[in-house]
């Protein structure tokens, strides 16, 4: 992107330039998460705060209009 005072891009141009970068970052995060999770026990994941053991759902409410 240009850095001059009169240089500007539209929101659409910004989004079209950033979307592929965001998608790449998302894929990298998913890959890193899956590989780190494969090498971890449930107890160590709980100690790190990435897993909550024995979590139970007691009430679920879904608003149909928001689906």
N, C-alpha and C. Protein backbone atom coordinates (compact mmCIF):
# COMPACT_ATOMS: atom_id res chain seq x y z
N UNK A 1 0.84 -1.18 0.00
CA UNK A 1 0.00 0.00 0.00
C UNK A 1 0.88 1.24 0.00
N UNK A 2 0.43 2.27 -0.66
CA UNK A 2 1.19 3.52 -0.73
C UNK A 2 1.08 4.27 0.59
N UNK A 3 2.10 5.12 0.84
CA UNK A 3 2.10 5.83 2.12
C UNK A 3 2.04 7.33 1.97
N UNK A 4 1.85 7.86 0.75
CA UNK A 4 1.78 9.30 0.55
C UNK A 4 0.53 9.90 1.13
N UNK A 5 0.53 11.24 1.28
CA UNK A 5 -0.63 11.91 1.87
C UNK A 5 -1.87 11.77 1.00
N UNK A 6 -1.71 11.82 -0.31
CA UNK A 6 -2.85 11.77 -1.21
C UNK A 6 -3.19 10.35 -1.64
N UNK A 7 -2.43 9.39 -1.20
CA UNK A 7 -2.68 8.00 -1.57
C UNK A 7 -3.73 7.41 -0.64
N UNK A 8 -4.75 6.84 -1.23
CA UNK A 8 -5.76 6.16 -0.44
C UNK A 8 -6.37 5.06 -1.29
N UNK A 9 -6.88 4.07 -0.61
CA UNK A 9 -7.56 2.99 -1.32
C UNK A 9 -8.96 2.86 -0.75
N UNK A 10 -9.83 2.32 -1.54
CA UNK A 10 -11.20 2.15 -1.09
C UNK A 10 -11.28 0.97 -0.12
N UNK A 11 -12.36 0.88 0.57
CA UNK A 11 -12.58 -0.23 1.49
C UNK A 11 -12.57 -1.55 0.71
N UNK A 12 -13.17 -1.56 -0.47
CA UNK A 12 -13.21 -2.77 -1.28
C UNK A 12 -11.81 -3.21 -1.68
N UNK A 13 -10.94 -2.26 -2.04
CA UNK A 13 -9.56 -2.58 -2.40
C UNK A 13 -8.81 -3.13 -1.19
N UNK A 14 -9.01 -2.50 -0.05
CA UNK A 14 -8.36 -2.97 1.18
C UNK A 14 -8.77 -4.39 1.51
N UNK A 15 -10.06 -4.65 1.44
CA UNK A 15 -10.57 -5.99 1.75
C UNK A 15 -10.04 -7.01 0.76
N UNK A 16 -10.00 -6.66 -0.52
CA UNK A 16 -9.51 -7.62 -1.52
C UNK A 16 -8.03 -7.91 -1.33
N UNK A 17 -7.26 -6.95 -0.82
CA UNK A 17 -5.84 -7.17 -0.57
C UNK A 17 -5.62 -7.95 0.73
N UNK A 18 -6.43 -7.72 1.73
CA UNK A 18 -6.23 -8.34 3.04
C UNK A 18 -6.84 -9.73 3.16
N UNK A 19 -7.89 -10.02 2.42
CA UNK A 19 -8.58 -11.31 2.55
C UNK A 19 -7.65 -12.50 2.34
N UNK A 20 -6.83 -12.52 1.29
CA UNK A 20 -5.93 -13.67 1.14
C UNK A 20 -4.93 -13.80 2.29
N UNK A 21 -4.47 -12.68 2.82
CA UNK A 21 -3.53 -12.72 3.94
C UNK A 21 -4.20 -13.26 5.20
N UNK A 22 -5.42 -12.84 5.43
CA UNK A 22 -6.18 -13.33 6.60
C UNK A 22 -6.45 -14.82 6.46
N UNK A 23 -6.78 -15.26 5.24
CA UNK A 23 -7.01 -16.69 5.01
C UNK A 23 -5.74 -17.50 5.27
N UNK A 24 -4.59 -16.98 4.83
CA UNK A 24 -3.32 -17.67 5.07
C UNK A 24 -3.03 -17.77 6.56
N UNK A 25 -3.29 -16.70 7.29
CA UNK A 25 -3.05 -16.70 8.74
C UNK A 25 -3.99 -17.69 9.43
N UNK A 26 -5.24 -17.73 8.99
CA UNK A 26 -6.21 -18.66 9.56
C UNK A 26 -5.75 -20.09 9.37
N UNK A 27 -5.31 -20.45 8.16
CA UNK A 27 -4.85 -21.80 7.89
C UNK A 27 -3.61 -22.15 8.73
N UNK A 28 -2.71 -21.19 8.89
CA UNK A 28 -1.51 -21.41 9.70
C UNK A 28 -1.88 -21.63 11.16
N UNK A 29 -2.84 -20.87 11.68
CA UNK A 29 -3.28 -21.04 13.07
C UNK A 29 -3.94 -22.40 13.27
N UNK A 30 -4.76 -22.82 12.32
CA UNK A 30 -5.42 -24.12 12.42
C UNK A 30 -4.39 -25.24 12.41
N UNK A 31 -3.42 -25.13 11.50
CA UNK A 31 -2.38 -26.15 11.40
C UNK A 31 -1.55 -26.22 12.68
N UNK A 32 -1.17 -25.07 13.22
CA UNK A 32 -0.38 -25.04 14.45
C UNK A 32 -1.18 -25.61 15.62
N UNK A 33 -2.45 -25.28 15.67
CA UNK A 33 -3.30 -25.77 16.75
C UNK A 33 -3.46 -27.27 16.69
N UNK A 34 -3.65 -27.80 15.49
CA UNK A 34 -3.83 -29.25 15.34
C UNK A 34 -2.54 -30.00 15.66
N UNK A 35 -1.41 -29.48 15.25
CA UNK A 35 -0.16 -30.19 15.52
C UNK A 35 0.21 -30.12 17.00
N UNK A 36 -0.05 -29.00 17.65
CA UNK A 36 0.27 -28.91 19.08
C UNK A 36 -0.70 -29.73 19.91
N UNK A 37 -1.94 -29.83 19.47
CA UNK A 37 -2.93 -30.62 20.19
C UNK A 37 -2.69 -32.11 20.08
N UNK A 38 -2.07 -32.54 18.97
CA UNK A 38 -1.81 -33.96 18.77
C UNK A 38 -0.74 -34.48 19.70
N UNK A 39 0.12 -33.59 20.18
CA UNK A 39 1.23 -34.01 21.03
C UNK A 39 0.99 -33.73 22.51
N UNK A 40 -0.23 -33.45 22.88
CA UNK A 40 -0.52 -33.04 24.25
C UNK A 40 -1.54 -33.98 24.88
N UNK A 41 -1.36 -34.28 26.16
CA UNK A 41 -2.35 -35.07 26.88
C UNK A 41 -3.46 -34.14 27.37
N UNK A 42 -4.58 -34.71 27.75
CA UNK A 42 -5.68 -33.89 28.26
C UNK A 42 -5.28 -33.14 29.52
N UNK A 43 -4.54 -33.79 30.39
CA UNK A 43 -4.11 -33.13 31.63
C UNK A 43 -3.19 -31.94 31.36
N UNK A 44 -2.24 -32.11 30.44
CA UNK A 44 -1.33 -31.00 30.15
C UNK A 44 -2.08 -29.87 29.44
N UNK A 45 -3.07 -30.21 28.60
CA UNK A 45 -3.88 -29.18 27.94
C UNK A 45 -4.70 -28.41 28.96
N UNK A 46 -5.22 -29.10 29.97
CA UNK A 46 -5.99 -28.44 31.02
C UNK A 46 -5.10 -27.51 31.83
N UNK A 47 -3.87 -27.94 32.12
CA UNK A 47 -2.94 -27.10 32.88
C UNK A 47 -2.58 -25.83 32.11
N UNK A 48 -2.50 -25.93 30.79
CA UNK A 48 -2.19 -24.76 29.96
C UNK A 48 -3.40 -23.86 29.76
N UNK A 49 -4.58 -24.36 30.08
CA UNK A 49 -5.78 -23.55 29.95
C UNK A 49 -6.45 -23.66 28.59
N UNK A 50 -6.04 -24.62 27.78
CA UNK A 50 -6.65 -24.76 26.46
C UNK A 50 -7.76 -25.80 26.43
N UNK A 51 -7.97 -26.49 27.55
CA UNK A 51 -9.02 -27.51 27.66
C UNK A 51 -9.62 -27.44 29.06
N UNK A 52 -10.92 -27.59 29.13
CA UNK A 52 -11.58 -27.65 30.43
C UNK A 52 -12.15 -29.06 30.58
N UNK A 53 -11.55 -29.84 31.46
CA UNK A 53 -11.99 -31.21 31.67
C UNK A 53 -13.31 -31.24 32.44
N UNK A 54 -14.10 -32.25 32.14
CA UNK A 54 -15.39 -32.50 32.82
C UNK A 54 -16.38 -31.36 32.67
N UNK A 55 -16.28 -30.61 31.60
CA UNK A 55 -17.24 -29.55 31.33
C UNK A 55 -18.53 -30.17 30.81
N UNK A 56 -19.65 -29.80 31.42
CA UNK A 56 -20.94 -30.35 31.02
C UNK A 56 -21.90 -29.22 30.68
N UNK A 57 -22.68 -29.45 29.65
CA UNK A 57 -23.70 -28.48 29.26
C UNK A 57 -24.99 -28.85 29.99
N UNK A 58 -25.55 -27.87 30.69
CA UNK A 58 -26.78 -28.15 31.43
C UNK A 58 -28.00 -27.49 30.80
N UNK A 59 -27.77 -26.51 29.92
CA UNK A 59 -28.90 -25.83 29.29
C UNK A 59 -28.44 -25.19 27.99
N UNK A 60 -29.12 -25.47 26.93
CA UNK A 60 -28.79 -24.90 25.63
C UNK A 60 -30.03 -24.21 25.09
N UNK A 61 -29.85 -22.97 24.70
CA UNK A 61 -30.98 -22.22 24.14
C UNK A 61 -30.54 -21.64 22.81
N UNK A 62 -31.29 -21.94 21.76
CA UNK A 62 -30.95 -21.47 20.42
C UNK A 62 -32.09 -20.61 19.92
N UNK A 63 -31.75 -19.46 19.43
CA UNK A 63 -32.75 -18.57 18.86
C UNK A 63 -32.87 -18.89 17.37
N UNK A 64 -33.99 -19.39 16.96
CA UNK A 64 -34.21 -19.80 15.58
C UNK A 64 -34.06 -18.62 14.62
N UNK A 65 -34.45 -17.44 15.02
CA UNK A 65 -34.39 -16.29 14.12
C UNK A 65 -32.96 -15.88 13.80
N UNK A 66 -31.97 -16.29 14.59
CA UNK A 66 -30.58 -15.93 14.33
C UNK A 66 -29.85 -16.98 13.51
N UNK A 67 -30.48 -18.10 13.18
CA UNK A 67 -29.80 -19.13 12.41
C UNK A 67 -29.70 -18.79 10.96
